[in-house]
Amino acid sequence: DRHANFGPACFDATHNISVGGLYALPVGKGKKFGSGMSKVADMVFGGWTANYFVTAHSGFPVTITASAAQNNTGQSVRGNVRANYYKAMSVSSRTVDRYFGPVDATTFCAAGVNNGTCSYGVPALGTFGTAGVGTERAPSYFNFDASVGKKFMVTEKQFLDFRAEFFNAFNHVSYGPPGRDITTVGSFGQITSQVTVPRNIQFGLKYTF
């Protein structure tokens, strides 16, 4: 079924947004707040800047396979054999162990059989699966990076530039793709990886002269 080979690319995200910004706090000499503060107070509280960068997108496509049926086709195939597709999946709940909802040995149809209740099944002997590529979606992605910084003037032309940077500032977990092979029920829908790193904080100090 050549039509089943058409589908979303592996990097397709239906919704995708990236937003960044820089904000100079209006505190210190010549600013809206604290313009009359002392030199020492201005060195501590004035001239701070804040930066942020947010990236978020919906999940990437997931192709449902039936790898144990690889030898049922009687031909050499490129990649794993796809499952038979019968109807859209109805997911009542999602967890990292069962992203596509609870499954057991009766969740998927037997080879070449459509019992009217399952969404996917094993292809019949001598056939390729009817499911297209990217029929399901992996978990979404979210990341928020931020930093604060300040220049400490030493002379008119020399200064110390301080920065504190927070990568994945909210320590938000974005998960990797779930298991998608219906012939290994134990791992189907199971997520075993994450695509974000834990929160990372770093400090920097640069002297410009």
C-alpha atoms as a PDB file:
ATOM      1  CA  ASP A   1       0.000   0.000   0.000  1.00  0.00           C
ATOM      2  CA  ARG A   2       2.028   2.924  -1.284  1.00  0.00           C
ATOM      3  CA  HIS A   3      -0.477   5.398   0.121  1.00  0.00           C
ATOM      4  CA  ALA A   4       0.425   4.193   3.636  1.00  0.00           C
ATOM      5  CA  ASN A   5       3.989   5.363   3.040  1.00  0.00           C
ATOM      6  CA  PHE A   6       2.784   8.959   2.999  1.00  0.00           C
ATOM      7  CA  GLY A   7       2.617  10.596   6.389  1.00  0.00           C
ATOM      8  CA  PRO A   8       4.188  13.236   8.609  1.00  0.00           C
ATOM      9  CA  ALA A   9       7.975  13.451   8.678  1.00  0.00           C
ATOM     10  CA  CYS A  10       9.718  12.157  11.786  1.00  0.00           C
ATOM     11  CA  PHE A  11      10.505  15.752  12.846  1.00  0.00           C
ATOM     12  CA  ASP A  12       6.971  17.094  12.248  1.00  0.00           C
ATOM     13  CA  ALA A  13       5.503  19.005  15.199  1.00  0.00           C
ATOM     14  CA  THR A  14       1.947  20.265  14.711  1.00  0.00           C
ATOM     15  CA  HIS A  15       2.462  23.119  17.150  1.00  0.00           C
ATOM     16  CA  ASN A  16       5.858  24.730  17.679  1.00  0.00           C
ATOM     17  CA  ILE A  17       6.804  27.927  19.472  1.00  0.00           C
ATOM     18  CA  SER A  18      10.067  29.592  20.505  1.00  0.00           C
ATOM     19  CA  VAL A  19      10.123  32.851  22.457  1.00  0.00           C
ATOM     20  CA  GLY A  20      13.052  34.756  23.904  1.00  0.00           C
ATOM     21  CA  GLY A  21      13.566  38.114  25.545  1.00  0.00           C
ATOM     22  CA  LEU A  22      15.883  40.469  27.391  1.00  0.00           C
ATOM     23  CA  TYR A  23      14.736  42.789  30.161  1.00  0.00           C
ATOM     24  CA  ALA A  24      16.838  45.498  31.778  1.00  0.00           C
ATOM     25  CA  LEU A  25      15.545  46.100  35.296  1.00  0.00           C
ATOM     26  CA  PRO A  26      14.693  49.824  35.718  1.00  0.00           C
ATOM     27  CA  VAL A  27      16.685  50.154  38.941  1.00  0.00           C
ATOM     28  CA  GLY A  28      19.817  52.238  39.515  1.00  0.00           C
ATOM     29  CA  LYS A  29      21.428  55.488  38.422  1.00  0.00           C
ATOM     30  CA  GLY A  30      19.457  57.171  35.641  1.00  0.00           C
ATOM     31  CA  LYS A  31      16.668  54.551  35.879  1.00  0.00           C
ATOM     32  CA  LYS A  32      13.025  54.854  36.913  1.00  0.00           C
ATOM     33  CA  PHE A  33      13.641  53.443  40.382  1.00  0.00           C
ATOM     34  CA  GLY A  34      16.566  54.257  42.657  1.00  0.00           C
ATOM     35  CA  SER A  35      18.029  57.020  40.505  1.00  0.00           C
ATOM     36  CA  GLY A  36      19.192  58.791  43.643  1.00  0.00           C
ATOM     37  CA  MET A  37      20.765  55.799  45.377  1.00  0.00           C
ATOM     38  CA  SER A  38      24.358  55.869  46.522  1.00  0.00           C
ATOM     39  CA  LYS A  39      27.245  54.559  44.433  1.00  0.00           C
ATOM     40  CA  VAL A  40      27.594  51.487  46.658  1.00  0.00           C
ATOM     41  CA  ALA A  41      23.866  50.723  46.481  1.00  0.00           C
ATOM     42  CA  ASP A  42      23.897  51.203  42.715  1.00  0.00           C
ATOM     43  CA  MET A  43      26.795  48.745  42.402  1.00  0.00           C
ATOM     44  CA  VAL A  44      24.731  46.128  44.245  1.00  0.00           C
ATOM     45  CA  PHE A  45      21.169  46.743  43.044  1.00  0.00           C
ATOM     46  CA  GLY A  46      21.447  48.696  39.798  1.00  0.00           C
ATOM     47  CA  GLY A  47      22.059  47.599  36.229  1.00  0.00           C
ATOM     48  CA  TRP A  48      20.738  44.025  36.405  1.00  0.00           C
ATOM     49  CA  THR A  49      19.362  42.313  33.294  1.00  0.00           C
ATOM     50  CA  ALA A  50      17.228  39.192  32.912  1.00  0.00           C
ATOM     51  CA  ASN A  51      17.066  36.915  29.858  1.00  0.00           C
ATOM     52  CA  TYR A  52      14.821  33.996  28.983  1.00  0.00           C
ATOM     53  CA  PHE A  53      14.258  31.554  26.149  1.00  0.00           C
ATOM     54  CA  VAL A  54      11.270  29.211  25.917  1.00  0.00           C
ATOM     55  CA  THR A  55      10.905  26.323  23.472  1.00  0.00           C
ATOM     56  CA  ALA A  56       7.799  24.147  23.272  1.00  0.00           C
ATOM     57  CA  HIS A  57       6.287  21.859  20.660  1.00  0.00           C
ATOM     58  CA  SER A  58       3.761  19.072  20.381  1.00  0.00           C
ATOM     59  CA  GLY A  59       4.881  15.468  20.062  1.00  0.00           C
ATOM     60  CA  PHE A  60       6.683  14.002  17.072  1.00  0.00           C
ATOM     61  CA  PRO A  61       5.047  11.229  14.990  1.00  0.00           C
ATOM     62  CA  VAL A  62       5.249   7.603  16.109  1.00  0.00           C
ATOM     63  CA  THR A  63       4.865   4.683  13.691  1.00  0.00           C
ATOM     64  CA  ILE A  64       3.245   1.537  15.110  1.00  0.00           C
ATOM     65  CA  THR A  65       5.083  -1.646  14.112  1.00  0.00           C
ATOM     66  CA  ALA A  66       4.730  -5.415  14.397  1.00  0.00           C
ATOM     67  CA  SER A  67       8.336  -6.576  14.267  1.00  0.00           C
ATOM     68  CA  ALA A  68       7.583 -10.212  15.127  1.00  0.00           C
ATOM     69  CA  ALA A  69       5.706 -10.438  11.807  1.00  0.00           C
ATOM     70  CA  GLN A  70       8.879  -9.520   9.899  1.00  0.00           C
ATOM     71  CA  ASN A  71       9.174 -12.969   8.358  1.00  0.00           C
ATOM     72  CA  ASN A  72       5.466 -13.331   7.593  1.00  0.00           C
ATOM     73  CA  THR A  73       5.665 -11.294   4.401  1.00  0.00           C
ATOM     74  CA  GLY A  74       7.834 -13.719   2.456  1.00  0.00           C
ATOM     75  CA  GLN A  75       9.872 -10.769   1.218  1.00  0.00           C
ATOM     76  CA  SER A  76      12.719  -8.635   2.435  1.00  0.00           C
ATOM     77  CA  VAL A  77      11.344  -5.384   3.791  1.00  0.00           C
ATOM     78  CA  ARG A  78      13.059  -2.148   4.649  1.00  0.00           C
ATOM     79  CA  GLY A  79      12.707  -1.469   8.363  1.00  0.00           C
ATOM     80  CA  ASN A  80      10.091  -3.059  10.592  1.00  0.00           C
ATOM     81  CA  VAL A  81       6.775  -4.371   9.341  1.00  0.00           C
ATOM     82  CA  ARG A  82       3.994  -1.975  10.236  1.00  0.00           C
ATOM     83  CA  ALA A  83       0.914  -3.156  12.062  1.00  0.00           C
ATOM     84  CA  ASN A  84      -2.574  -3.335  10.575  1.00  0.00           C
ATOM     85  CA  TYR A  85      -4.583  -0.215  11.351  1.00  0.00           C
ATOM     86  CA  TYR A  86      -8.310  -0.534  12.049  1.00  0.00           C
ATOM     87  CA  LYS A  87      -9.444   2.556  13.951  1.00  0.00           C
ATOM     88  CA  ALA A  88      -8.174   5.467  16.053  1.00  0.00           C
ATOM     89  CA  MET A  89      -6.872   4.610  19.509  1.00  0.00           C
ATOM     90  CA  SER A  90      -8.972   5.669  22.492  1.00  0.00           C
ATOM     91  CA  VAL A  91      -6.590   6.530  25.324  1.00  0.00           C
ATOM     92  CA  SER A  92      -8.245   6.884  28.736  1.00  0.00           C
ATOM     93  CA  SER A  93      -5.077   7.641  30.688  1.00  0.00           C
ATOM     94  CA  ARG A  94      -1.379   8.139  29.996  1.00  0.00           C
ATOM     95  CA  THR A  95       1.573   7.194  32.187  1.00  0.00           C
ATOM     96  CA  VAL A  96       5.291   6.706  31.483  1.00  0.00           C
ATOM     97  CA  ASP A  97       4.689   2.951  31.652  1.00  0.00           C
ATOM     98  CA  ARG A  98       1.575   2.984  29.483  1.00  0.00           C
ATOM     99  CA  TYR A  99       1.590   6.095  27.336  1.00  0.00           C
ATOM    100  CA  PHE A 100      -1.036   4.652  25.000  1.00  0.00           C
ATOM    101  CA  GLY A 101      -3.190   3.507  27.912  1.00  0.00           C
ATOM    102  CA  PRO A 102      -3.510   0.087  29.575  1.00  0.00           C
ATOM    103  CA  VAL A 103      -2.711  -2.845  27.277  1.00  0.00           C
ATOM    104  CA  ASP A 104      -2.699  -6.619  27.590  1.00  0.00           C
ATOM    105  CA  ALA A 105      -2.594  -9.656  25.328  1.00  0.00           C
ATOM    106  CA  THR A 106      -6.157  -8.966  24.096  1.00  0.00           C
ATOM    107  CA  THR A 107      -5.566  -5.307  23.187  1.00  0.00           C
ATOM    108  CA  PHE A 108      -4.371  -6.052  19.658  1.00  0.00           C
ATOM    109  CA  CYS A 109      -6.097  -8.198  17.048  1.00  0.00           C
ATOM    110  CA  ALA A 110      -4.729 -11.548  15.971  1.00  0.00           C
ATOM    111  CA  ALA A 111      -3.022 -11.906  12.600  1.00  0.00           C
ATOM    112  CA  GLY A 112      -5.330 -10.637   9.855  1.00  0.00           C
ATOM    113  CA  VAL A 113      -8.372 -10.454  12.169  1.00  0.00           C
ATOM    114  CA  ASN A 114     -10.408  -7.321  12.834  1.00  0.00           C
ATOM    115  CA  ASN A 115     -12.680  -7.956  15.793  1.00  0.00           C
ATOM    116  CA  GLY A 116     -14.139  -4.438  15.692  1.00  0.00           C
ATOM    117  CA  THR A 117     -12.683  -3.351  19.024  1.00  0.00           C
ATOM    118  CA  CYS A 118      -8.919  -3.121  18.554  1.00  0.00           C
ATOM    119  CA  SER A 119      -7.112  -0.228  16.912  1.00  0.00           C
ATOM    120  CA  TYR A 120      -4.155  -2.227  15.622  1.00  0.00           C
ATOM    121  CA  GLY A 121      -3.452  -5.836  14.801  1.00  0.00           C
ATOM    122  CA  VAL A 122      -0.756  -8.151  13.473  1.00  0.00           C
ATOM    123  CA  PRO A 123      -0.700  -8.440   9.644  1.00  0.00           C
ATOM    124  CA  ALA A 124      -1.881 -11.722   8.172  1.00  0.00           C
ATOM    125  CA  LEU A 125       0.672 -14.213   6.886  1.00  0.00           C
ATOM    126  CA  GLY A 126       2.162 -13.041   3.588  1.00  0.00           C
ATOM    127  CA  THR A 127       0.956  -9.443   3.930  1.00  0.00           C
ATOM    128  CA  PHE A 128       2.363  -6.097   4.940  1.00  0.00           C
ATOM    129  CA  GLY A 129       0.701  -3.988   7.602  1.00  0.00           C
ATOM    130  CA  THR A 130      -1.865  -1.381   6.534  1.00  0.00           C
ATOM    131  CA  ALA A 131      -0.921   1.268   9.108  1.00  0.00           C
ATOM    132  CA  GLY A 132       0.609   4.437   7.746  1.00  0.00           C
ATOM    133  CA  VAL A 133       3.670   6.203   9.093  1.00  0.00           C
ATOM    134  CA  GLY A 134       3.316   8.523  12.049  1.00  0.00           C
ATOM    135  CA  THR A 135      -0.222   7.508  13.011  1.00  0.00           C
ATOM    136  CA  GLU A 136       0.374   8.279  16.715  1.00  0.00           C
ATOM    137  CA  ARG A 137       2.224  11.039  18.564  1.00  0.00           C
ATOM    138  CA  ALA A 138       4.973  11.003  21.186  1.00  0.00           C
ATOM    139  CA  PRO A 139       4.879  13.250  24.281  1.00  0.00           C
ATOM    140  CA  SER A 140       5.265  17.002  23.850  1.00  0.00           C
ATOM    141  CA  TYR A 141       8.414  19.002  24.635  1.00  0.00           C
ATOM    142  CA  PHE A 142       8.947  22.046  26.869  1.00  0.00           C
ATOM    143  CA  ASN A 143      12.104  23.828  27.996  1.00  0.00           C
ATOM    144  CA  PHE A 144      12.720  27.144  29.758  1.00  0.00           C
ATOM    145  CA  ASP A 145      16.193  28.671  30.018  1.00  0.00           C
ATOM    146  CA  ALA A 146      16.910  31.876  31.922  1.00  0.00           C
ATOM    147  CA  SER A 147      19.794  34.022  33.082  1.00  0.00           C
ATOM    148  CA  VAL A 148      20.511  37.153  35.097  1.00  0.00           C
ATOM    149  CA  GLY A 149      23.519  39.385  34.717  1.00  0.00           C
ATOM    150  CA  LYS A 150      25.126  42.633  35.738  1.00  0.00           C
ATOM    151  CA  LYS A 151      28.118  44.777  34.797  1.00  0.00           C
ATOM    152  CA  PHE A 152      30.154  46.053  37.731  1.00  0.00           C
ATOM    153  CA  MET A 153      31.980  49.160  36.510  1.00  0.00           C
ATOM    154  CA  VAL A 154      35.576  49.408  37.764  1.00  0.00           C
ATOM    155  CA  THR A 155      36.549  52.449  35.710  1.00  0.00           C
ATOM    156  CA  GLU A 156      34.870  54.227  32.833  1.00  0.00           C
ATOM    157  CA  LYS A 157      36.115  51.574  30.394  1.00  0.00           C
ATOM    158  CA  GLN A 158      36.778  48.559  32.611  1.00  0.00           C
ATOM    159  CA  PHE A 159      34.120  46.374  34.190  1.00  0.00           C
ATOM    160  CA  LEU A 160      33.299  42.945  35.577  1.00  0.00           C
ATOM    161  CA  ASP A 161      30.496  41.122  33.733  1.00  0.00           C
ATOM    162  CA  PHE A 162      28.677  38.624  35.981  1.00  0.00           C
ATOM    163  CA  ARG A 163      26.146  36.065  34.740  1.00  0.00           C
ATOM    164  CA  ALA A 164      24.087  33.324  36.380  1.00  0.00           C
ATOM    165  CA  GLU A 165      22.512  30.940  33.860  1.00  0.00           C
ATOM    166  CA  PHE A 166      19.753  28.396  34.480  1.00  0.00           C
ATOM    167  CA  PHE A 167      19.235  25.727  31.840  1.00  0.00           C
ATOM    168  CA  ASN A 168      15.902  23.908  32.147  1.00  0.00           C
ATOM    169  CA  ALA A 169      15.186  26.331  34.984  1.00  0.00           C
ATOM    170  CA  PHE A 170      11.924  24.634  36.018  1.00  0.00           C
ATOM    171  CA  ASN A 171      13.533  21.171  35.924  1.00  0.00           C
ATOM    172  CA  HIS A 172      10.712  20.073  33.625  1.00  0.00           C
ATOM    173  CA  VAL A 173      10.913  16.541  32.219  1.00  0.00           C
ATOM    174  CA  SER A 174      10.204  16.015  28.519  1.00  0.00           C
ATOM    175  CA  TYR A 175       9.995  12.327  27.718  1.00  0.00           C
ATOM    176  CA  GLY A 176      11.330  10.376  24.762  1.00  0.00           C
ATOM    177  CA  PRO A 177       9.178   8.306  22.390  1.00  0.00           C
ATOM    178  CA  PRO A 178       7.200   5.354  23.783  1.00  0.00           C
ATOM    179  CA  GLY A 179       7.545   1.729  22.719  1.00  0.00           C
ATOM    180  CA  ARG A 180       5.541   1.206  19.535  1.00  0.00           C
ATOM    181  CA  ASP A 181       5.825  -2.528  18.725  1.00  0.00           C
ATOM    182  CA  ILE A 182       2.478  -4.304  19.252  1.00  0.00           C
ATOM    183  CA  THR A 183       4.127  -7.738  19.242  1.00  0.00           C
ATOM    184  CA  THR A 184       5.988  -6.896  22.463  1.00  0.00           C
ATOM    185  CA  VAL A 185       3.019  -6.020  24.645  1.00  0.00           C
ATOM    186  CA  GLY A 186       5.130  -5.638  27.781  1.00  0.00           C
ATOM    187  CA  SER A 187       6.996  -2.634  26.395  1.00  0.00           C
ATOM    188  CA  PHE A 188       4.292  -1.156  24.155  1.00  0.00           C
ATOM    189  CA  GLY A 189       3.697   2.438  25.209  1.00  0.00           C
ATOM    190  CA  GLN A 190       6.533   2.282  27.739  1.00  0.00           C
ATOM    191  CA  ILE A 191       8.801   5.335  27.948  1.00  0.00           C
ATOM    192  CA  THR A 192      12.368   4.621  29.014  1.00  0.00           C
ATOM    193  CA  SER A 193      14.139   7.884  28.202  1.00  0.00           C
ATOM    194  CA  GLN A 194      13.887  11.641  28.422  1.00  0.00           C
ATOM    195  CA  VAL A 195      15.026  14.255  25.914  1.00  0.00           C
ATOM    196  CA  THR A 196      15.775  17.055  28.373  1.00  0.00           C
ATOM    197  CA  VAL A 197      18.624  17.182  30.862  1.00  0.00           C
ATOM    198  CA  PRO A 198      18.027  17.995  34.547  1.00  0.00           C
ATOM    199  CA  ARG A 199      18.326  21.599  35.677  1.00  0.00           C
ATOM    200  CA  ASN A 200      21.843  22.938  35.166  1.00  0.00           C
ATOM    201  CA  ILE A 201      23.054  26.142  36.848  1.00  0.00           C
ATOM    202  CA  GLN A 202      26.308  27.842  35.950  1.00  0.00           C
ATOM    203  CA  PHE A 203      27.991  31.105  36.883  1.00  0.00           C
ATOM    204  CA  GLY A 204      30.359  33.223  34.837  1.00  0.00           C
ATOM    205  CA  LEU A 205      32.571  36.216  35.531  1.00  0.00           C
ATOM    206  CA  LYS A 206      34.414  38.167  32.843  1.00  0.00           C
ATOM    207  CA  TYR A 207      36.731  41.137  33.256  1.00  0.00           C
ATOM    208  CA  THR A 208      36.783  43.560  30.326  1.00  0.00           C
ATOM    209  CA  PHE A 209      39.570  46.109  30.068  1.00  0.00           C
END
